Each structure stands twice: as C-alpha cells, then as structure tokens.
C-alpha cells in the first residue's frame, strides 16, 4: 500500500465522517425544532436552530468535496 493510496483512503473516510455528522446535525436540529414547536422543550428562542441547519449543510458539502477530491 503506497503513501498515495493511504492518503486517498483517509480523505474518503474523512469525507464520509463529515457527511454523517452533517446528517446527524440535521436530524438533531429537526428533532429539537419539533420539540420546541410542540411545546415540550423551551429554548427561549428558536433562531439558534437555524444555525444547526447551516452547519449541517456545511458539513455535508465539506464531506462531498473531500470524497470528490480523493478520486
């Protein structure tokens, strides 16, 4: 296994991890939104939840870029 091949594997693994973290962040944000909306949880202000959507999207885009550049 060459150094270049190991680097490619690490880039793909990092891309997959970033994508999974992005989806997980979206799921957590959506769950919190519905809990706040139904009144089960009080966060005071629901605007910080939009930050989770943006951050999740950024993680997914970074993961896709990592996977695409490892080819």
PDB file of N, CA and C in Angstrom:
ATOM      1  N   UNK A   1       0.851  -1.172   0.000  1.00  0.00           N
ATOM      2  CA  UNK A   1       0.000   0.000   0.000  1.00  0.00           C
ATOM      3  C   UNK A   1       0.899   1.239   0.000  1.00  0.00           C
ATOM      4  N   UNK A   2       0.738   2.063  -0.985  1.00  0.00           N
ATOM      5  CA  UNK A   2       1.585   3.238  -1.107  1.00  0.00           C
ATOM      6  C   UNK A   2       1.047   4.391  -0.257  1.00  0.00           C
ATOM      7  N   UNK A   3       1.889   5.372  -0.110  1.00  0.00           N
ATOM      8  CA  UNK A   3       1.512   6.553   0.669  1.00  0.00           C
ATOM      9  C   UNK A   3       0.331   7.276   0.025  1.00  0.00           C
ATOM     10  N   UNK A   4       0.336   7.314  -1.296  1.00  0.00           N
ATOM     11  CA  UNK A   4      -0.747   7.989  -2.019  1.00  0.00           C
ATOM     12  C   UNK A   4      -2.080   7.262  -1.815  1.00  0.00           C
ATOM     13  N   UNK A   5      -2.041   5.949  -1.810  1.00  0.00           N
ATOM     14  CA  UNK A   5      -3.258   5.159  -1.612  1.00  0.00           C
ATOM     15  C   UNK A   5      -3.810   5.351  -0.195  1.00  0.00           C
ATOM     16  N   UNK A   6      -2.924   5.381   0.786  1.00  0.00           N
ATOM     17  CA  UNK A   6      -3.378   5.612   2.171  1.00  0.00           C
ATOM     18  C   UNK A   6      -3.983   6.998   2.331  1.00  0.00           C
ATOM     19  N   UNK A   7      -3.399   8.000   1.671  1.00  0.00           N
ATOM     20  CA  UNK A   7      -3.941   9.362   1.736  1.00  0.00           C
ATOM     21  C   UNK A   7      -5.334   9.414   1.122  1.00  0.00           C
ATOM     22  N   UNK A   8      -5.521   8.701   0.022  1.00  0.00           N
ATOM     23  CA  UNK A   8      -6.831   8.644  -0.620  1.00  0.00           C
ATOM     24  C   UNK A   8      -7.870   8.022   0.306  1.00  0.00           C
ATOM     25  N   UNK A   9      -7.487   6.941   0.979  1.00  0.00           N
ATOM     26  CA  UNK A   9      -8.404   6.280   1.904  1.00  0.00           C
ATOM     27  C   UNK A   9      -8.762   7.203   3.064  1.00  0.00           C
ATOM     28  N   UNK A  10      -7.765   7.922   3.582  1.00  0.00           N
ATOM     29  CA  UNK A  10      -8.035   8.864   4.691  1.00  0.00           C
ATOM     30  C   UNK A  10      -8.965   9.982   4.251  1.00  0.00           C
ATOM     31  N   UNK A  11      -8.778  10.512   3.045  1.00  0.00           N
ATOM     32  CA  UNK A  11      -9.659  11.568   2.551  1.00  0.00           C
ATOM     33  C   UNK A  11     -11.094  11.068   2.405  1.00  0.00           C
ATOM     34  N   UNK A  12     -11.253   9.860   1.870  1.00  0.00           N
ATOM     35  CA  UNK A  12     -12.606   9.304   1.740  1.00  0.00           C
ATOM     36  C   UNK A  12     -13.237   9.078   3.094  1.00  0.00           C
ATOM     37  N   UNK A  13     -12.471   8.544   4.044  1.00  0.00           N
ATOM     38  CA  UNK A  13     -13.004   8.297   5.387  1.00  0.00           C
ATOM     39  C   UNK A  13     -13.411   9.611   6.041  1.00  0.00           C
ATOM     40  N   UNK A  14     -12.583  10.642   5.902  1.00  0.00           N
ATOM     41  CA  UNK A  14     -12.926  11.948   6.462  1.00  0.00           C
ATOM     42  C   UNK A  14     -14.177  12.517   5.802  1.00  0.00           C
ATOM     43  N   UNK A  15     -14.305  12.346   4.493  1.00  0.00           N
ATOM     44  CA  UNK A  15     -15.496  12.825   3.786  1.00  0.00           C
ATOM     45  C   UNK A  15     -16.755  12.123   4.254  1.00  0.00           C
ATOM     46  N   UNK A  16     -16.662  10.814   4.446  1.00  0.00           N
ATOM     47  CA  UNK A  16     -17.823  10.060   4.927  1.00  0.00           C
ATOM     48  C   UNK A  16     -18.186  10.484   6.340  1.00  0.00           C
ATOM     49  N   UNK A  17     -17.175  10.665   7.194  1.00  0.00           N
ATOM     50  CA  UNK A  17     -17.442  11.087   8.576  1.00  0.00           C
ATOM     51  C   UNK A  17     -18.095  12.464   8.598  1.00  0.00           C
ATOM     52  N   UNK A  18     -17.593  13.396   7.798  1.00  0.00           N
ATOM     53  CA  UNK A  18     -18.192  14.740   7.758  1.00  0.00           C
ATOM     54  C   UNK A  18     -19.631  14.698   7.262  1.00  0.00           C
ATOM     55  N   UNK A  19     -19.897  13.886   6.252  1.00  0.00           N
ATOM     56  CA  UNK A  19     -21.259  13.779   5.736  1.00  0.00           C
ATOM     57  C   UNK A  19     -22.206  13.185   6.768  1.00  0.00           C
ATOM     58  N   UNK A  20     -21.760  12.159   7.467  1.00  0.00           N
ATOM     59  CA  UNK A  20     -22.595  11.539   8.501  1.00  0.00           C
ATOM     60  C   UNK A  20     -22.846  12.527   9.638  1.00  0.00           C
ATOM     61  N   UNK A  21     -21.819  13.281  10.029  1.00  0.00           N
ATOM     62  CA  UNK A  21     -22.016  14.291  11.080  1.00  0.00           C
ATOM     63  C   UNK A  21     -23.006  15.367  10.637  1.00  0.00           C
ATOM     64  N   UNK A  22     -22.956  15.763   9.370  1.00  0.00           N
ATOM     65  CA  UNK A  22     -23.902  16.753   8.858  1.00  0.00           C
ATOM     66  C   UNK A  22     -25.331  16.261   8.910  1.00  0.00           C
ATOM     67  N   UNK A  23     -25.544  15.017   8.489  1.00  0.00           N
ATOM     68  CA  UNK A  23     -26.895  14.448   8.537  1.00  0.00           C
ATOM     69  C   UNK A  23     -27.350  14.316   9.984  1.00  0.00           C
ATOM     70  N   UNK A  24     -26.454  13.893  10.863  1.00  0.00           N
ATOM     71  CA  UNK A  24     -26.794  13.769  12.280  1.00  0.00           C
ATOM     72  C   UNK A  24     -27.163  15.129  12.881  1.00  0.00           C
ATOM     73  N   UNK A  25     -26.437  16.163  12.508  1.00  0.00           N
ATOM     74  CA  UNK A  25     -26.756  17.506  12.992  1.00  0.00           C
ATOM     75  C   UNK A  25     -28.108  17.969  12.474  1.00  0.00           C
ATOM     76  N   UNK A  26     -28.436  17.651  11.221  1.00  0.00           N
ATOM     77  CA  UNK A  26     -29.758  17.977  10.686  1.00  0.00           C
ATOM     78  C   UNK A  26     -30.857  17.247  11.451  1.00  0.00           C
ATOM     79  N   UNK A  27     -30.645  15.987  11.755  1.00  0.00           N
ATOM     80  CA  UNK A  27     -31.651  15.208  12.490  1.00  0.00           C
ATOM     81  C   UNK A  27     -31.858  15.791  13.887  1.00  0.00           C
ATOM     82  N   UNK A  28     -30.779  16.126  14.560  1.00  0.00           N
ATOM     83  CA  UNK A  28     -30.889  16.711  15.908  1.00  0.00           C
ATOM     84  C   UNK A  28     -31.605  18.055  15.843  1.00  0.00           C
ATOM     85  N   UNK A  29     -31.252  18.885  14.858  1.00  0.00           N
ATOM     86  CA  UNK A  29     -31.884  20.195  14.721  1.00  0.00           C
ATOM     87  C   UNK A  29     -33.379  20.059  14.435  1.00  0.00           C
ATOM     88  N   UNK A  30     -33.732  19.139  13.553  1.00  0.00           N
ATOM     89  CA  UNK A  30     -35.143  18.927  13.226  1.00  0.00           C
ATOM     90  C   UNK A  30     -35.915  18.418  14.432  1.00  0.00           C
ATOM     91  N   UNK A  31     -35.319  17.497  15.166  1.00  0.00           N
ATOM     92  CA  UNK A  31     -35.975  16.973  16.368  1.00  0.00           C
ATOM     93  C   UNK A  31     -36.188  18.074  17.397  1.00  0.00           C
ATOM     94  N   UNK A  32     -35.167  18.887  17.625  1.00  0.00           N
ATOM     95  CA  UNK A  32     -35.322  19.994  18.571  1.00  0.00           C
ATOM     96  C   UNK A  32     -36.367  20.992  18.105  1.00  0.00           C
ATOM     97  N   UNK A  33     -36.409  21.263  16.791  1.00  0.00           N
ATOM     98  CA  UNK A  33     -37.410  22.183  16.276  1.00  0.00           C
ATOM     99  C   UNK A  33     -38.821  21.691  16.577  1.00  0.00           C
ATOM    100  N   UNK A  34     -39.062  20.392  16.302  1.00  0.00           N
ATOM    101  CA  UNK A  34     -40.409  19.868  16.548  1.00  0.00           C
ATOM    102  C   UNK A  34     -40.725  19.795  18.036  1.00  0.00           C
ATOM    103  N   UNK A  35     -39.722  19.578  18.878  1.00  0.00           N
ATOM    104  CA  UNK A  35     -39.972  19.584  20.322  1.00  0.00           C
ATOM    105  C   UNK A  35     -40.291  20.991  20.817  1.00  0.00           C
ATOM    106  N   UNK A  36     -39.600  21.992  20.280  1.00  0.00           N
ATOM    107  CA  UNK A  36     -39.896  23.382  20.647  1.00  0.00           C
ATOM    108  C   UNK A  36     -41.258  23.783  20.105  1.00  0.00           C
ATOM    109  N   UNK A  37     -41.550  23.392  18.873  1.00  0.00           N
ATOM    110  CA  UNK A  37     -42.821  23.753  18.244  1.00  0.00           C
ATOM    111  C   UNK A  37     -44.008  23.145  18.984  1.00  0.00           C
ATOM    112  N   UNK A  38     -43.853  21.919  19.480  1.00  0.00           N
ATOM    113  CA  UNK A  38     -44.961  21.285  20.191  1.00  0.00           C
ATOM    114  C   UNK A  38     -45.048  21.737  21.645  1.00  0.00           C
ATOM    115  N   UNK A  39     -44.047  22.445  22.127  1.00  0.00           N
ATOM    116  CA  UNK A  39     -44.096  22.972  23.492  1.00  0.00           C
ATOM    117  C   UNK A  39     -43.501  22.044  24.534  1.00  0.00           C
ATOM    118  N   UNK A  40     -42.877  20.965  24.129  1.00  0.00           N
ATOM    119  CA  UNK A  40     -42.286  20.033  25.086  1.00  0.00           C
ATOM    120  C   UNK A  40     -40.967  20.538  25.649  1.00  0.00           C
ATOM    121  N   UNK A  41     -40.262  21.356  24.873  1.00  0.00           N
ATOM    122  CA  UNK A  41     -38.976  21.907  25.289  1.00  0.00           C
ATOM    123  C   UNK A  41     -39.017  23.405  25.059  1.00  0.00           C
ATOM    124  N   UNK A  42     -38.461  24.163  25.996  1.00  0.00           N
ATOM    125  CA  UNK A  42     -38.424  25.609  25.855  1.00  0.00           C
ATOM    126  C   UNK A  42     -36.972  26.064  25.737  1.00  0.00           C
ATOM    127  N   UNK A  43     -36.618  26.576  24.577  1.00  0.00           N
ATOM    128  CA  UNK A  43     -35.268  27.101  24.369  1.00  0.00           C
ATOM    129  C   UNK A  43     -35.225  28.617  24.448  1.00  0.00           C
ATOM    130  N   UNK A  44     -36.355  29.251  24.589  1.00  0.00           N
ATOM    131  CA  UNK A  44     -36.409  30.695  24.651  1.00  0.00           C
ATOM    132  C   UNK A  44     -36.515  31.330  23.279  1.00  0.00           C
ATOM    133  N   UNK A  45     -35.660  30.923  22.373  1.00  0.00           N
ATOM    134  CA  UNK A  45     -35.660  31.483  21.034  1.00  0.00           C
ATOM    135  C   UNK A  45     -35.288  30.370  20.060  1.00  0.00           C
ATOM    136  N   UNK A  46     -36.044  30.223  18.998  1.00  0.00           N
ATOM    137  CA  UNK A  46     -35.792  29.124  18.058  1.00  0.00           C
ATOM    138  C   UNK A  46     -34.838  29.512  16.935  1.00  0.00           C
ATOM    139  N   UNK A  47     -34.342  30.751  16.929  1.00  0.00           N
ATOM    140  CA  UNK A  47     -33.416  31.168  15.878  1.00  0.00           C
ATOM    141  C   UNK A  47     -32.099  30.401  15.889  1.00  0.00           C
ATOM    142  N   UNK A  48     -31.538  30.019  17.046  1.00  0.00           N
ATOM    143  CA  UNK A  48     -30.289  29.253  17.020  1.00  0.00           C
ATOM    144  C   UNK A  48     -30.425  27.904  16.323  1.00  0.00           C
ATOM    145  N   UNK A  49     -31.652  27.415  16.169  1.00  0.00           N
ATOM    146  CA  UNK A  49     -31.838  26.151  15.476  1.00  0.00           C
ATOM    147  C   UNK A  49     -31.482  26.262  13.995  1.00  0.00           C
ATOM    148  N   UNK A  50     -31.628  27.461  13.432  1.00  0.00           N
ATOM    149  CA  UNK A  50     -31.259  27.627  12.022  1.00  0.00           C
ATOM    150  C   UNK A  50     -29.751  27.497  11.829  1.00  0.00           C
ATOM    151  N   UNK A  51     -28.990  27.787  12.868  1.00  0.00           N
ATOM    152  CA  UNK A  51     -27.549  27.608  12.799  1.00  0.00           C
ATOM    153  C   UNK A  51     -27.187  26.136  12.625  1.00  0.00           C
ATOM    154  N   UNK A  52     -27.972  25.245  13.229  1.00  0.00           N
ATOM    155  CA  UNK A  52     -27.752  23.815  13.063  1.00  0.00           C
ATOM    156  C   UNK A  52     -27.981  23.363  11.631  1.00  0.00           C
ATOM    157  N   UNK A  53     -28.967  23.957  10.969  1.00  0.00           N
ATOM    158  CA  UNK A  53     -29.239  23.621   9.572  1.00  0.00           C
ATOM    159  C   UNK A  53     -28.089  24.073   8.688  1.00  0.00           C
ATOM    160  N   UNK A  54     -27.598  25.276   8.922  1.00  0.00           N
ATOM    161  CA  UNK A  54     -26.492  25.805   8.126  1.00  0.00           C
ATOM    162  C   UNK A  54     -25.216  24.999   8.376  1.00  0.00           C
ATOM    163  N   UNK A  55     -24.924  24.711   9.631  1.00  0.00           N
ATOM    164  CA  UNK A  55     -23.717  23.942   9.958  1.00  0.00           C
ATOM    165  C   UNK A  55     -23.799  22.520   9.403  1.00  0.00           C
ATOM    166  N   UNK A  56     -24.973  21.913   9.483  1.00  0.00           N
ATOM    167  CA  UNK A  56     -25.147  20.572   8.922  1.00  0.00           C
ATOM    168  C   UNK A  56     -24.917  20.562   7.426  1.00  0.00           C
ATOM    169  N   UNK A  57     -25.434  21.565   6.745  1.00  0.00           N
ATOM    170  CA  UNK A  57     -25.211  21.675   5.311  1.00  0.00           C
ATOM    171  C   UNK A  57     -23.743  21.878   4.975  1.00  0.00           C
ATOM    172  N   UNK A  58     -23.057  22.667   5.784  1.00  0.00           N
ATOM    173  CA  UNK A  58     -21.630  22.892   5.557  1.00  0.00           C
ATOM    174  C   UNK A  58     -20.839  21.600   5.743  1.00  0.00           C
ATOM    175  N   UNK A  59     -21.201  20.810   6.755  1.00  0.00           N
ATOM    176  CA  UNK A  59     -20.531  19.524   6.965  1.00  0.00           C
ATOM    177  C   UNK A  59     -20.737  18.604   5.768  1.00  0.00           C
ATOM    178  N   UNK A  60     -21.958  18.565   5.259  1.00  0.00           N
ATOM    179  CA  UNK A  60     -22.256  17.683   4.129  1.00  0.00           C
ATOM    180  C   UNK A  60     -21.500  18.135   2.882  1.00  0.00           C
ATOM    181  N   UNK A  61     -21.469  19.425   2.629  1.00  0.00           N
ATOM    182  CA  UNK A  61     -20.741  19.935   1.466  1.00  0.00           C
ATOM    183  C   UNK A  61     -19.248  19.647   1.601  1.00  0.00           C
ATOM    184  N   UNK A  62     -18.697  19.853   2.791  1.00  0.00           N
ATOM    185  CA  UNK A  62     -17.274  19.559   3.009  1.00  0.00           C
ATOM    186  C   UNK A  62     -16.993  18.074   2.808  1.00  0.00           C
ATOM    187  N   UNK A  63     -17.907  17.223   3.259  1.00  0.00           N
ATOM    188  CA  UNK A  63     -17.730  15.793   3.061  1.00  0.00           C
ATOM    189  C   UNK A  63     -17.771  15.401   1.595  1.00  0.00           C
ATOM    190  N   UNK A  64     -18.698  15.991   0.854  1.00  0.00           N
ATOM    191  CA  UNK A  64     -18.794  15.703  -0.578  1.00  0.00           C
ATOM    192  C   UNK A  64     -17.534  16.167  -1.306  1.00  0.00           C
ATOM    193  N   UNK A  65     -17.032  17.328  -0.937  1.00  0.00           N
ATOM    194  CA  UNK A  65     -15.813  17.829  -1.567  1.00  0.00           C
ATOM    195  C   UNK A  65     -14.636  16.919  -1.244  1.00  0.00           C
ATOM    196  N   UNK A  66     -14.543  16.451   0.006  1.00  0.00           N
ATOM    197  CA  UNK A  66     -13.459  15.548   0.381  1.00  0.00           C
ATOM    198  C   UNK A  66     -13.528  14.242  -0.395  1.00  0.00           C
ATOM    199  N   UNK A  67     -14.729  13.705  -0.525  1.00  0.00           N
ATOM    200  CA  UNK A  67     -14.877  12.449  -1.255  1.00  0.00           C
ATOM    201  C   UNK A  67     -14.562  12.656  -2.736  1.00  0.00           C
ATOM    202  N   UNK A  68     -15.016  13.767  -3.296  1.00  0.00           N
ATOM    203  CA  UNK A  68     -14.813  14.025  -4.723  1.00  0.00           C
ATOM    204  C   UNK A  68     -13.337  14.257  -5.047  1.00  0.00           C
ATOM    205  N   UNK A  69     -12.594  14.867  -4.140  1.00  0.00           N
ATOM    206  CA  UNK A  69     -11.182  15.146  -4.423  1.00  0.00           C
ATOM    207  C   UNK A  69     -10.282  13.951  -4.124  1.00  0.00           C
ATOM    208  N   UNK A  70     -10.827  12.903  -3.558  1.00  0.00           N
ATOM    209  CA  UNK A  70      -9.998  11.741  -3.239  1.00  0.00           C
ATOM    210  C   UNK A  70      -9.981  10.724  -4.370  1.00  0.00           C
ATOM    211  N   UNK A  71     -10.637  11.028  -5.463  1.00  0.00           N
ATOM    212  CA  UNK A  71     -10.705  10.072  -6.578  1.00  0.00           C
ATOM    213  C   UNK A  71      -9.432  10.076  -7.387  1.00  0.00           C
TER     214      UNK A  71
END
